[in-house]
N, C-alpha and C. Protein backbone atom coordinates (compact mmCIF):
# COMPACT_ATOMS: atom_id res chain seq x y z
N MET A 1 16.09 -60.07 27.75
CA MET A 1 15.58 -61.34 27.86
C MET A 1 14.24 -61.19 28.02
N ASN A 2 13.20 -61.78 26.89
CA ASN A 2 12.03 -61.33 26.97
C ASN A 2 11.18 -62.59 28.21
N PHE A 3 9.86 -62.15 28.20
CA PHE A 3 9.15 -63.19 29.27
C PHE A 3 9.24 -64.40 29.01
N LEU A 4 9.16 -64.74 27.75
CA LEU A 4 9.25 -66.36 27.56
C LEU A 4 10.73 -66.88 27.67
N GLU A 5 11.52 -66.18 27.50
CA GLU A 5 13.28 -66.62 27.73
C GLU A 5 13.06 -66.56 29.04
N GLU A 6 12.67 -65.69 29.60
CA GLU A 6 12.91 -65.84 31.22
C GLU A 6 12.12 -67.23 31.77
N LYS A 7 11.26 -67.58 31.37
CA LYS A 7 10.01 -68.62 31.86
C LYS A 7 11.07 -69.85 31.43
N ILE A 8 11.56 -70.05 30.12
CA ILE A 8 12.19 -70.92 29.92
C ILE A 8 13.97 -71.31 30.80
N VAL A 9 14.29 -70.10 31.11
CA VAL A 9 15.50 -70.17 32.15
C VAL A 9 15.10 -70.76 33.23
N LYS A 10 13.77 -70.24 33.86
CA LYS A 10 13.30 -70.62 35.18
C LYS A 10 13.12 -71.76 35.30
N ASP A 11 12.10 -72.22 34.37
CA ASP A 11 11.35 -73.89 34.43
C ASP A 11 11.28 -74.56 33.48
N GLY A 12 12.39 -74.43 32.34
CA GLY A 12 12.67 -75.34 31.34
C GLY A 12 13.72 -76.38 31.72
N ILE A 13 13.87 -77.46 31.06
CA ILE A 13 14.87 -78.47 31.61
C ILE A 13 15.57 -78.71 30.58
N VAL A 14 16.92 -78.74 29.98
CA VAL A 14 18.01 -79.43 28.85
C VAL A 14 18.01 -80.71 28.88
N LYS A 15 17.84 -81.39 27.84
CA LYS A 15 18.03 -83.04 28.02
C LYS A 15 19.22 -83.25 26.96
N GLU A 16 19.65 -84.30 27.00
CA GLU A 16 20.61 -84.79 25.93
C GLU A 16 20.01 -84.97 24.73
N GLY A 17 20.34 -84.92 23.84
CA GLY A 17 19.85 -84.75 22.35
C GLY A 17 19.03 -83.53 22.03
N ASN A 18 19.64 -82.56 22.41
CA ASN A 18 19.27 -81.30 22.21
C ASN A 18 17.49 -80.96 22.22
N VAL A 19 17.11 -81.50 23.28
CA VAL A 19 15.75 -82.00 24.06
C VAL A 19 15.43 -80.40 24.66
N LEU A 20 14.46 -79.68 24.55
CA LEU A 20 14.34 -78.45 25.60
C LEU A 20 13.13 -79.15 26.16
N LYS A 21 12.79 -79.48 27.75
CA LYS A 21 11.92 -80.11 28.11
C LYS A 21 10.86 -78.83 28.55
N VAL A 22 9.68 -78.39 28.47
CA VAL A 22 9.21 -77.16 28.76
C VAL A 22 7.68 -77.72 29.05
N ASP A 23 7.48 -78.97 29.64
CA ASP A 23 5.78 -79.45 29.66
C ASP A 23 5.44 -78.68 31.04
N SER A 24 6.18 -78.25 31.78
CA SER A 24 5.52 -77.64 32.79
C SER A 24 5.00 -76.53 32.79
N PHE A 25 5.05 -75.79 31.34
CA PHE A 25 3.96 -74.64 31.37
C PHE A 25 3.77 -74.34 29.81
N LEU A 26 4.43 -75.38 28.88
CA LEU A 26 3.69 -75.10 27.41
C LEU A 26 3.37 -76.21 26.94
N ASN A 27 3.82 -77.47 26.99
CA ASN A 27 3.27 -78.37 26.40
C ASN A 27 2.79 -79.64 27.03
N HIS A 28 2.58 -79.70 28.33
CA HIS A 28 1.60 -80.91 28.95
C HIS A 28 0.78 -80.24 29.95
N GLN A 29 1.49 -79.13 30.91
CA GLN A 29 0.78 -78.33 31.82
C GLN A 29 1.15 -77.13 31.33
N MET A 30 -0.11 -76.24 31.22
CA MET A 30 -0.35 -75.00 30.47
C MET A 30 -0.14 -73.86 31.20
N ASP A 31 0.49 -72.80 31.04
CA ASP A 31 0.50 -71.65 31.53
C ASP A 31 -0.40 -70.92 30.97
N ILE A 32 -1.70 -70.71 31.33
CA ILE A 32 -2.32 -69.76 30.50
C ILE A 32 -2.07 -68.20 30.48
N GLU A 33 -1.84 -67.62 31.51
CA GLU A 33 -1.40 -66.16 31.55
C GLU A 33 0.02 -66.18 30.52
N LEU A 34 0.67 -67.21 30.71
CA LEU A 34 1.90 -66.91 29.43
C LEU A 34 1.46 -67.27 28.20
N PHE A 35 0.80 -67.94 27.89
CA PHE A 35 -0.05 -68.21 26.40
C PHE A 35 -0.74 -66.60 26.24
N ASN A 36 -1.32 -65.93 27.13
CA ASN A 36 -2.31 -64.95 26.82
C ASN A 36 -0.96 -63.81 26.35
N GLN A 37 -0.01 -63.83 27.28
CA GLN A 37 1.18 -62.87 26.94
C GLN A 37 1.88 -62.79 25.60
N MET A 38 1.99 -64.44 25.33
CA MET A 38 2.54 -64.98 23.88
C MET A 38 0.98 -64.27 22.85
N GLY A 39 -0.03 -64.31 22.94
CA GLY A 39 -1.02 -63.96 21.97
C GLY A 39 -0.96 -62.92 21.69
N ALA A 40 -0.76 -61.76 23.22
CA ALA A 40 -0.76 -60.36 22.96
C ALA A 40 0.42 -60.35 21.86
N GLU A 41 1.78 -60.84 22.29
CA GLU A 41 2.81 -60.37 21.18
C GLU A 41 2.66 -60.62 19.78
N TRP A 42 2.09 -61.91 19.60
CA TRP A 42 1.75 -62.14 18.19
C TRP A 42 0.83 -61.07 17.36
N LYS A 43 0.01 -60.56 18.35
CA LYS A 43 -1.20 -59.80 17.61
C LYS A 43 -0.14 -58.39 17.62
N LYS A 44 1.04 -57.80 18.18
CA LYS A 44 1.55 -56.79 17.86
C LYS A 44 2.37 -57.08 16.72
N ARG A 45 3.05 -57.86 16.78
CA ARG A 45 3.89 -58.51 15.52
C ARG A 45 3.13 -58.89 14.32
N PHE A 46 1.96 -58.89 14.13
CA PHE A 46 1.08 -59.27 12.66
C PHE A 46 0.32 -58.23 13.01
N ALA A 47 0.62 -56.99 13.58
CA ALA A 47 -0.41 -55.95 13.54
C ALA A 47 -0.68 -55.73 11.92
N GLY A 48 -1.96 -55.19 11.18
CA GLY A 48 -1.94 -54.85 9.66
C GLY A 48 -2.40 -56.06 8.85
N LYS A 49 -1.98 -57.51 9.69
CA LYS A 49 -2.21 -58.50 8.69
C LYS A 49 -3.90 -58.76 8.68
N ASN A 50 -4.25 -59.21 7.54
CA ASN A 50 -5.64 -59.45 7.34
C ASN A 50 -5.95 -61.06 7.53
N ILE A 51 -5.85 -61.34 9.16
CA ILE A 51 -6.21 -62.68 9.49
C ILE A 51 -7.42 -63.01 9.93
N ASN A 52 -7.91 -64.16 9.10
CA ASN A 52 -9.28 -64.61 9.57
C ASN A 52 -9.40 -65.96 10.40
N LYS A 53 -8.25 -66.44 10.32
CA LYS A 53 -8.00 -67.72 11.08
C LYS A 53 -6.68 -68.27 11.20
N ILE A 54 -6.99 -69.30 12.65
CA ILE A 54 -5.39 -69.63 13.06
C ILE A 54 -5.37 -70.98 12.64
N LEU A 55 -4.56 -71.39 12.02
CA LEU A 55 -4.11 -72.93 11.91
C LEU A 55 -3.08 -73.77 12.63
N THR A 56 -3.38 -74.84 13.42
CA THR A 56 -2.07 -75.06 14.17
C THR A 56 -2.16 -76.82 14.21
N ILE A 57 -1.71 -77.40 14.73
CA ILE A 57 -1.68 -79.14 14.34
C ILE A 57 -1.63 -79.70 16.07
N GLU A 58 -2.13 -80.83 15.90
CA GLU A 58 -2.43 -81.47 16.83
C GLU A 58 -1.21 -82.19 17.49
N ALA A 59 -0.67 -81.78 18.81
CA ALA A 59 -2.02 -81.64 19.84
C ALA A 59 -1.08 -80.19 20.53
N SER A 60 -0.03 -80.53 20.81
CA SER A 60 0.73 -79.04 21.58
C SER A 60 0.70 -78.04 21.29
N GLY A 61 -0.08 -77.47 19.97
CA GLY A 61 -0.21 -76.05 19.52
C GLY A 61 -1.40 -75.66 19.73
N ILE A 62 -2.82 -76.69 20.08
CA ILE A 62 -3.80 -76.09 20.18
C ILE A 62 -4.25 -75.14 21.40
N GLY A 63 -3.61 -75.71 22.51
CA GLY A 63 -3.72 -74.43 23.76
C GLY A 63 -3.26 -73.32 23.49
N ILE A 64 -2.02 -73.10 22.65
CA ILE A 64 -1.70 -72.03 22.40
C ILE A 64 -2.31 -71.05 21.60
N ALA A 65 -2.94 -71.69 20.21
CA ALA A 65 -3.55 -71.41 19.16
C ALA A 65 -4.74 -70.56 19.76
N CYS A 66 -5.25 -71.31 20.64
CA CYS A 66 -6.85 -71.12 21.24
C CYS A 66 -6.69 -69.58 21.94
N ILE A 67 -5.59 -69.58 22.87
CA ILE A 67 -5.62 -68.31 23.97
C ILE A 67 -5.09 -66.99 22.91
N ALA A 68 -4.15 -67.42 21.81
CA ALA A 68 -3.94 -66.53 20.85
C ALA A 68 -4.96 -65.86 19.94
N ALA A 69 -6.02 -66.96 19.59
CA ALA A 69 -7.32 -66.85 18.79
C ALA A 69 -7.72 -65.33 19.44
N GLN A 70 -7.83 -65.68 20.78
CA GLN A 70 -8.66 -64.36 21.55
C GLN A 70 -8.23 -62.98 21.21
N HIS A 71 -6.90 -62.69 20.95
CA HIS A 71 -6.14 -61.68 20.85
C HIS A 71 -6.73 -61.25 19.22
N PHE A 72 -6.82 -62.11 18.71
CA PHE A 72 -7.27 -61.79 16.55
C PHE A 72 -8.84 -61.96 16.40
N GLY A 73 -9.67 -62.53 17.76
CA GLY A 73 -11.15 -62.75 17.29
C GLY A 73 -11.39 -63.67 15.93
N VAL A 74 -10.79 -64.34 16.29
CA VAL A 74 -10.67 -65.81 14.67
C VAL A 74 -11.05 -66.97 15.19
N PRO A 75 -11.58 -67.94 14.67
CA PRO A 75 -11.40 -69.20 14.88
C PRO A 75 -10.01 -69.97 14.83
N VAL A 76 -10.20 -71.02 15.43
CA VAL A 76 -8.88 -71.94 15.46
C VAL A 76 -9.34 -73.30 14.76
N VAL A 77 -8.43 -73.77 13.62
CA VAL A 77 -8.62 -75.20 13.20
C VAL A 77 -7.26 -75.43 13.50
N PHE A 78 -7.42 -77.00 13.88
CA PHE A 78 -6.24 -77.82 14.14
C PHE A 78 -6.07 -79.14 13.02
N ALA A 79 -4.71 -79.19 12.53
CA ALA A 79 -4.81 -80.64 11.62
C ALA A 79 -4.78 -81.60 12.53
N LYS A 80 -5.77 -82.60 12.32
CA LYS A 80 -5.74 -83.66 12.97
C LYS A 80 -4.65 -84.72 12.63
N LYS A 81 -3.96 -85.69 13.60
CA LYS A 81 -2.96 -86.72 13.11
C LYS A 81 -3.48 -88.11 12.74
N SER A 82 -4.66 -87.86 12.94
CA SER A 82 -5.44 -89.37 12.65
C SER A 82 -6.94 -89.20 12.08
N LYS A 83 -7.09 -90.00 11.11
CA LYS A 83 -8.73 -89.85 10.86
C LYS A 83 -9.57 -90.86 11.99
N SER A 84 -10.79 -90.01 12.26
CA SER A 84 -11.77 -90.43 13.17
C SER A 84 -12.75 -90.71 12.55
N ILE A 85 -13.98 -91.58 13.25
CA ILE A 85 -14.94 -91.79 12.57
C ILE A 85 -15.79 -90.47 12.41
N ASN A 86 -15.68 -89.32 13.05
CA ASN A 86 -16.54 -88.20 12.98
C ASN A 86 -16.03 -87.20 11.95
N LEU A 87 -15.11 -87.49 11.25
CA LEU A 87 -14.41 -86.50 10.15
C LEU A 87 -15.16 -87.43 8.83
N GLU A 88 -15.88 -86.46 8.24
CA GLU A 88 -16.27 -86.59 6.81
C GLU A 88 -16.02 -85.71 5.98
N GLY A 89 -16.56 -85.93 4.67
CA GLY A 89 -16.15 -84.96 3.39
C GLY A 89 -14.67 -85.04 2.81
N GLU A 90 -14.57 -84.14 2.11
CA GLU A 90 -13.13 -84.02 1.16
C GLU A 90 -12.35 -83.59 2.59
N MET A 91 -11.12 -84.01 2.53
CA MET A 91 -9.73 -83.36 3.15
C MET A 91 -8.64 -82.83 2.49
N TYR A 92 -7.92 -82.17 3.26
CA TYR A 92 -6.79 -81.50 2.93
C TYR A 92 -5.53 -82.43 3.75
N THR A 93 -4.56 -83.15 3.15
CA THR A 93 -3.81 -84.08 3.77
C THR A 93 -2.26 -83.75 3.53
N ALA A 94 -1.26 -83.96 4.57
CA ALA A 94 0.19 -83.48 4.15
C ALA A 94 0.76 -84.60 5.32
N GLU A 95 1.97 -85.09 4.89
CA GLU A 95 2.73 -86.02 5.81
C GLU A 95 3.66 -84.72 6.51
N VAL A 96 3.60 -85.02 7.68
CA VAL A 96 4.99 -84.18 8.56
C VAL A 96 5.79 -85.22 9.29
N GLU A 97 6.81 -85.13 9.67
CA GLU A 97 7.90 -85.52 10.44
C GLU A 97 8.08 -84.87 11.95
N SER A 98 7.79 -85.67 12.87
CA SER A 98 7.80 -85.07 14.12
C SER A 98 9.41 -84.93 14.56
N PHE A 99 10.13 -84.07 15.20
CA PHE A 99 11.43 -83.98 15.71
C PHE A 99 11.49 -84.88 16.98
N THR A 100 10.41 -84.33 17.83
CA THR A 100 10.13 -84.80 19.10
C THR A 100 10.04 -86.35 19.16
N HIS A 101 8.78 -86.94 18.52
CA HIS A 101 8.08 -88.08 18.33
C HIS A 101 9.05 -88.83 17.57
N LYS A 102 9.87 -88.31 16.50
CA LYS A 102 10.72 -89.54 15.85
C LYS A 102 9.88 -90.00 14.91
N ASN A 103 8.82 -89.48 14.32
CA ASN A 103 7.65 -90.57 13.67
C ASN A 103 7.00 -89.52 12.50
N LYS A 104 6.34 -90.07 11.58
CA LYS A 104 5.57 -89.32 10.66
C LYS A 104 4.13 -89.65 10.64
N ASN A 105 3.40 -88.74 10.65
CA ASN A 105 2.21 -88.96 10.53
C ASN A 105 1.66 -87.91 9.25
N LYS A 106 0.36 -88.79 9.07
CA LYS A 106 -0.68 -87.72 8.18
C LYS A 106 -1.33 -86.87 8.51
N VAL A 107 -1.18 -85.66 8.33
CA VAL A 107 -2.28 -84.56 9.15
C VAL A 107 -3.49 -84.22 8.19
N ILE A 108 -4.28 -84.07 8.65
CA ILE A 108 -5.59 -84.12 8.33
C ILE A 108 -6.45 -82.58 8.54
N VAL A 109 -6.99 -82.05 7.42
CA VAL A 109 -8.09 -80.52 7.55
C VAL A 109 -9.05 -81.15 6.90
N SER A 110 -10.16 -80.64 7.31
CA SER A 110 -11.34 -80.77 6.80
C SER A 110 -11.54 -79.68 5.80
N LYS A 111 -11.91 -79.96 4.44
CA LYS A 111 -12.16 -78.93 3.36
C LYS A 111 -13.26 -77.89 3.81
N LYS A 112 -14.13 -78.10 4.62
CA LYS A 112 -15.19 -77.31 4.92
C LYS A 112 -14.76 -76.13 6.17
N PHE A 113 -13.42 -76.44 6.63
CA PHE A 113 -12.90 -75.45 7.65
C PHE A 113 -11.95 -74.36 6.69
N LEU A 114 -11.46 -74.59 5.89
CA LEU A 114 -10.21 -73.80 5.01
C LEU A 114 -10.67 -73.52 3.64
N ASN A 115 -10.67 -72.52 3.22
CA ASN A 115 -11.19 -72.22 1.99
C ASN A 115 -10.05 -70.92 1.08
N GLU A 116 -10.41 -70.46 -0.07
CA GLU A 116 -9.37 -69.58 -0.67
C GLU A 116 -9.95 -68.17 0.01
N ASN A 117 -10.65 -67.93 0.65
CA ASN A 117 -10.93 -66.87 1.12
C ASN A 117 -10.31 -66.53 2.65
N ASP A 118 -9.51 -67.50 2.72
CA ASP A 118 -8.83 -67.54 4.40
C ASP A 118 -7.59 -66.93 4.15
N HIS A 119 -6.97 -66.02 5.25
CA HIS A 119 -6.01 -65.24 5.25
C HIS A 119 -5.16 -65.95 6.84
N VAL A 120 -4.48 -66.79 6.62
CA VAL A 120 -4.45 -67.91 8.10
C VAL A 120 -2.90 -67.35 8.56
N LEU A 121 -2.93 -67.51 10.13
CA LEU A 121 -1.70 -67.33 10.68
C LEU A 121 -1.69 -68.97 11.55
N LEU A 122 -0.28 -69.11 10.98
CA LEU A 122 0.06 -70.42 11.48
C LEU A 122 0.64 -70.47 13.32
N ILE A 123 0.06 -71.19 14.07
CA ILE A 123 0.70 -71.45 15.17
C ILE A 123 1.22 -72.70 15.65
N ASP A 124 2.60 -72.66 16.31
CA ASP A 124 2.82 -73.78 16.92
C ASP A 124 3.99 -73.60 18.35
N ASP A 125 4.13 -74.82 18.95
CA ASP A 125 4.81 -74.21 20.23
C ASP A 125 6.27 -74.38 19.78
N PHE A 126 6.81 -75.42 19.03
CA PHE A 126 8.19 -75.58 18.78
C PHE A 126 8.45 -75.75 17.20
N LEU A 127 9.79 -75.16 16.89
CA LEU A 127 10.26 -75.16 15.38
C LEU A 127 11.42 -75.80 15.69
N ALA A 128 11.57 -76.90 14.85
CA ALA A 128 12.80 -77.80 14.83
C ALA A 128 13.22 -77.50 13.61
N ASN A 129 12.94 -78.82 12.75
CA ASN A 129 13.61 -78.87 11.51
C ASN A 129 12.33 -78.42 10.64
N GLY A 130 11.21 -78.14 10.97
CA GLY A 130 10.43 -77.34 9.91
C GLY A 130 9.20 -78.37 9.32
N CYS A 131 9.64 -79.29 9.52
CA CYS A 131 8.24 -80.42 8.72
C CYS A 131 7.31 -79.91 9.23
N ALA A 132 6.65 -79.73 10.25
CA ALA A 132 5.15 -79.75 10.60
C ALA A 132 4.65 -78.29 10.26
N LEU A 133 5.61 -77.31 10.07
CA LEU A 133 5.28 -75.82 9.31
C LEU A 133 5.08 -76.28 7.68
N GLN A 134 6.14 -76.88 7.38
CA GLN A 134 5.78 -77.22 5.53
C GLN A 134 4.60 -77.80 5.57
N GLY A 135 4.03 -78.43 6.32
CA GLY A 135 2.80 -79.78 6.05
C GLY A 135 1.89 -78.81 6.05
N LEU A 136 1.56 -78.01 7.33
CA LEU A 136 0.70 -76.99 7.29
C LEU A 136 0.70 -75.80 6.28
N ILE A 137 1.73 -75.37 5.69
CA ILE A 137 1.60 -74.41 4.72
C ILE A 137 1.17 -75.23 3.24
N GLN A 138 1.49 -76.28 3.16
CA GLN A 138 0.90 -77.24 2.24
C GLN A 138 -0.54 -77.23 2.28
N ILE A 139 -0.84 -77.69 3.17
CA ILE A 139 -2.60 -77.55 3.16
C ILE A 139 -3.12 -76.16 3.19
N VAL A 140 -2.87 -75.31 3.58
CA VAL A 140 -3.06 -74.22 3.21
C VAL A 140 -3.25 -73.51 2.10
N GLN A 141 -1.94 -73.82 0.98
CA GLN A 141 -1.86 -73.79 -0.11
C GLN A 141 -2.91 -74.48 -1.03
N SER A 142 -3.06 -75.92 -0.63
CA SER A 142 -4.14 -76.94 -1.31
C SER A 142 -5.25 -76.41 -1.16
N ALA A 143 -5.58 -75.63 -0.19
CA ALA A 143 -6.98 -74.90 0.25
C ALA A 143 -7.11 -73.45 -0.84
N GLY A 144 -6.10 -73.06 -1.30
CA GLY A 144 -6.01 -72.01 -2.00
C GLY A 144 -5.94 -70.65 -1.38
N ALA A 145 -5.66 -70.90 -0.07
CA ALA A 145 -5.58 -69.91 1.23
C ALA A 145 -4.51 -69.31 1.28
N THR A 146 -4.41 -68.19 2.06
CA THR A 146 -2.76 -67.55 1.84
C THR A 146 -2.42 -67.38 3.65
N VAL A 147 -0.93 -67.80 3.40
CA VAL A 147 -0.58 -67.72 4.64
C VAL A 147 -0.07 -66.41 5.14
N GLU A 148 -0.60 -65.73 6.18
CA GLU A 148 -0.39 -64.38 6.57
C GLU A 148 0.79 -64.11 7.27
N GLY A 149 1.25 -65.31 8.02
CA GLY A 149 2.53 -65.39 9.21
C GLY A 149 2.39 -66.62 9.91
N ILE A 150 3.52 -66.74 10.65
CA ILE A 150 3.55 -67.60 11.40
C ILE A 150 4.48 -67.82 12.67
N GLY A 151 3.50 -67.85 13.70
CA GLY A 151 3.82 -67.69 15.44
C GLY A 151 4.43 -68.85 15.84
N ILE A 152 5.98 -68.63 16.22
CA ILE A 152 6.05 -69.82 16.94
C ILE A 152 6.69 -69.55 18.91
N ALA A 153 6.10 -70.44 19.50
CA ALA A 153 6.68 -70.14 20.52
C ALA A 153 8.43 -70.29 20.98
N VAL A 154 8.68 -71.40 20.48
CA VAL A 154 9.96 -71.90 20.58
C VAL A 154 10.51 -72.23 19.46
N GLU A 155 11.72 -71.32 19.13
CA GLU A 155 12.23 -71.93 17.69
C GLU A 155 13.85 -72.36 18.19
N LYS A 156 14.17 -73.79 17.71
CA LYS A 156 15.44 -74.20 17.97
C LYS A 156 16.38 -72.94 16.51
N GLY A 157 17.03 -72.54 16.83
CA GLY A 157 17.94 -71.66 15.86
C GLY A 157 19.39 -72.33 15.38
N PHE A 158 19.77 -73.21 16.32
CA PHE A 158 20.80 -74.15 16.00
C PHE A 158 20.39 -75.30 14.71
N GLN A 159 19.04 -75.92 14.77
CA GLN A 159 18.45 -76.60 13.66
C GLN A 159 17.92 -75.72 12.31
N SER A 160 17.43 -76.50 11.46
CA SER A 160 17.48 -75.71 9.91
C SER A 160 15.99 -75.33 9.82
N GLY A 161 15.41 -75.30 10.75
CA GLY A 161 13.87 -75.21 10.66
C GLY A 161 13.53 -73.88 10.35
N GLY A 162 13.95 -72.80 10.88
CA GLY A 162 13.68 -71.54 11.07
C GLY A 162 14.34 -70.55 9.82
N LYS A 163 15.17 -71.52 9.29
CA LYS A 163 15.80 -70.79 7.92
C LYS A 163 15.13 -71.08 6.37
N ILE A 164 14.79 -72.66 6.60
CA ILE A 164 14.06 -72.90 5.70
C ILE A 164 12.62 -71.99 5.51
N ILE A 165 12.09 -72.20 6.76
CA ILE A 165 10.59 -71.19 6.58
C ILE A 165 11.13 -69.78 6.17
N ARG A 166 11.92 -69.24 7.07
CA ARG A 166 12.36 -67.79 6.45
C ARG A 166 12.78 -67.89 4.83
N ASN A 167 13.52 -68.57 4.42
CA ASN A 167 13.93 -68.64 2.82
C ASN A 167 12.64 -68.73 1.87
N LEU A 168 11.40 -69.38 2.56
CA LEU A 168 10.56 -69.49 1.69
C LEU A 168 9.66 -67.89 1.43
N GLY A 169 9.95 -67.18 2.35
CA GLY A 169 9.56 -65.84 2.31
C GLY A 169 8.43 -65.54 3.27
N TYR A 170 8.06 -66.31 4.33
CA TYR A 170 6.99 -66.13 5.09
C TYR A 170 7.74 -65.30 6.37
N GLN A 171 6.80 -64.53 6.96
CA GLN A 171 7.16 -63.81 8.19
C GLN A 171 7.03 -64.93 9.19
N LEU A 172 7.98 -65.05 9.76
CA LEU A 172 8.14 -65.99 10.96
C LEU A 172 8.55 -65.32 12.36
N GLU A 173 7.55 -65.27 13.19
CA GLU A 173 7.67 -64.69 14.29
C GLU A 173 8.00 -65.71 15.66
N SER A 174 9.21 -66.03 16.10
CA SER A 174 9.57 -66.90 17.33
C SER A 174 9.61 -66.14 18.44
N LEU A 175 8.99 -66.06 19.49
CA LEU A 175 8.97 -65.40 20.65
C LEU A 175 10.18 -65.68 21.56
N ALA A 176 10.97 -66.97 21.25
CA ALA A 176 12.30 -67.56 22.05
C ALA A 176 12.90 -68.34 20.87
N ILE A 177 14.16 -67.48 20.38
CA ILE A 177 15.13 -68.43 19.53
C ILE A 177 16.03 -69.18 20.51
N VAL A 178 16.36 -70.51 20.61
CA VAL A 178 17.53 -70.74 21.43
C VAL A 178 18.41 -71.12 20.34
N GLU A 179 19.72 -70.53 20.68
CA GLU A 179 20.85 -70.39 19.74
C GLU A 179 21.68 -71.90 20.25
N SER A 180 21.78 -72.19 21.64
CA SER A 180 22.43 -73.25 21.98
C SER A 180 22.05 -73.66 23.17
N MET A 181 22.25 -75.19 23.45
CA MET A 181 22.00 -75.69 24.87
C MET A 181 22.67 -76.65 25.11
N ASP A 182 23.24 -76.46 26.42
CA ASP A 182 24.23 -77.54 27.20
C ASP A 182 23.51 -78.50 28.06
N TRP A 183 23.34 -79.81 27.83
CA TRP A 183 22.30 -80.76 28.74
C TRP A 183 23.27 -80.79 29.83
N GLU A 184 24.55 -81.04 29.93
CA GLU A 184 25.56 -81.03 30.85
C GLU A 184 25.43 -80.28 32.15
N THR A 185 25.51 -78.75 31.76
CA THR A 185 25.54 -77.38 32.42
C THR A 185 23.68 -76.90 32.85
N GLY A 186 23.02 -77.70 31.85
CA GLY A 186 21.55 -76.85 31.93
C GLY A 186 21.47 -75.72 31.01
N SER A 187 22.67 -75.20 30.57
CA SER A 187 22.72 -73.41 30.31
C SER A 187 21.83 -73.43 28.96
N ILE A 188 21.44 -72.35 28.42
CA ILE A 188 20.63 -72.15 27.46
C ILE A 188 21.08 -70.57 26.82
N THR A 189 21.44 -70.32 25.58
CA THR A 189 21.78 -69.06 24.97
C THR A 189 20.49 -69.29 24.18
N PHE A 190 20.03 -67.35 24.11
CA PHE A 190 19.30 -67.14 23.00
C PHE A 190 19.64 -66.17 22.17
N ARG A 191 19.37 -66.32 21.09
CA ARG A 191 19.39 -65.12 19.94
C ARG A 191 19.01 -63.77 20.18
N GLU A 192 20.00 -63.19 20.20
CA GLU A 192 19.43 -61.51 20.46
C GLU A 192 18.85 -60.93 19.41
N GLU A 193 17.90 -60.04 19.67
CA GLU A 193 17.24 -59.44 18.71
C GLU A 193 17.54 -58.19 18.13
């Protein structure tokens, strides 16, 4: 069992409806030392890749991406879920559906922060059905940039997202892949590597 799986078993809570609550360390309160370990692990897994930018999606991916970026020495761009008055110029957009929030958002990245010279690592906290990642991939492709890899903290291996993304040919590195959860017992099983 790796460091993230151990943390999930210790502090994660399984809820009805295939929900894994990790808000005490991942996506509400953030365990920065854990994020640092995650960044170091992705740096090892993507060694040799020509990564010059990390792209994530608002909001839970931002903290993880920022700490991971320190290991790569690159900036982080995040796709915004709403247009604000300080966003100007041309934008890349994609529509994404959130498994957690059960809604669709149009995500936006300014064209001045992503272009054909960029070699991008996508980072996010969860992978369930793959919609958010497919939206980020679409944005990278619209920019003419290259997706060098995808780093996910927790993948729900019993949902289709991981298979969809891997079948598209991307290097997908999930640090913890949950194979099953039982909300009545609170048990979690992980995919063996």
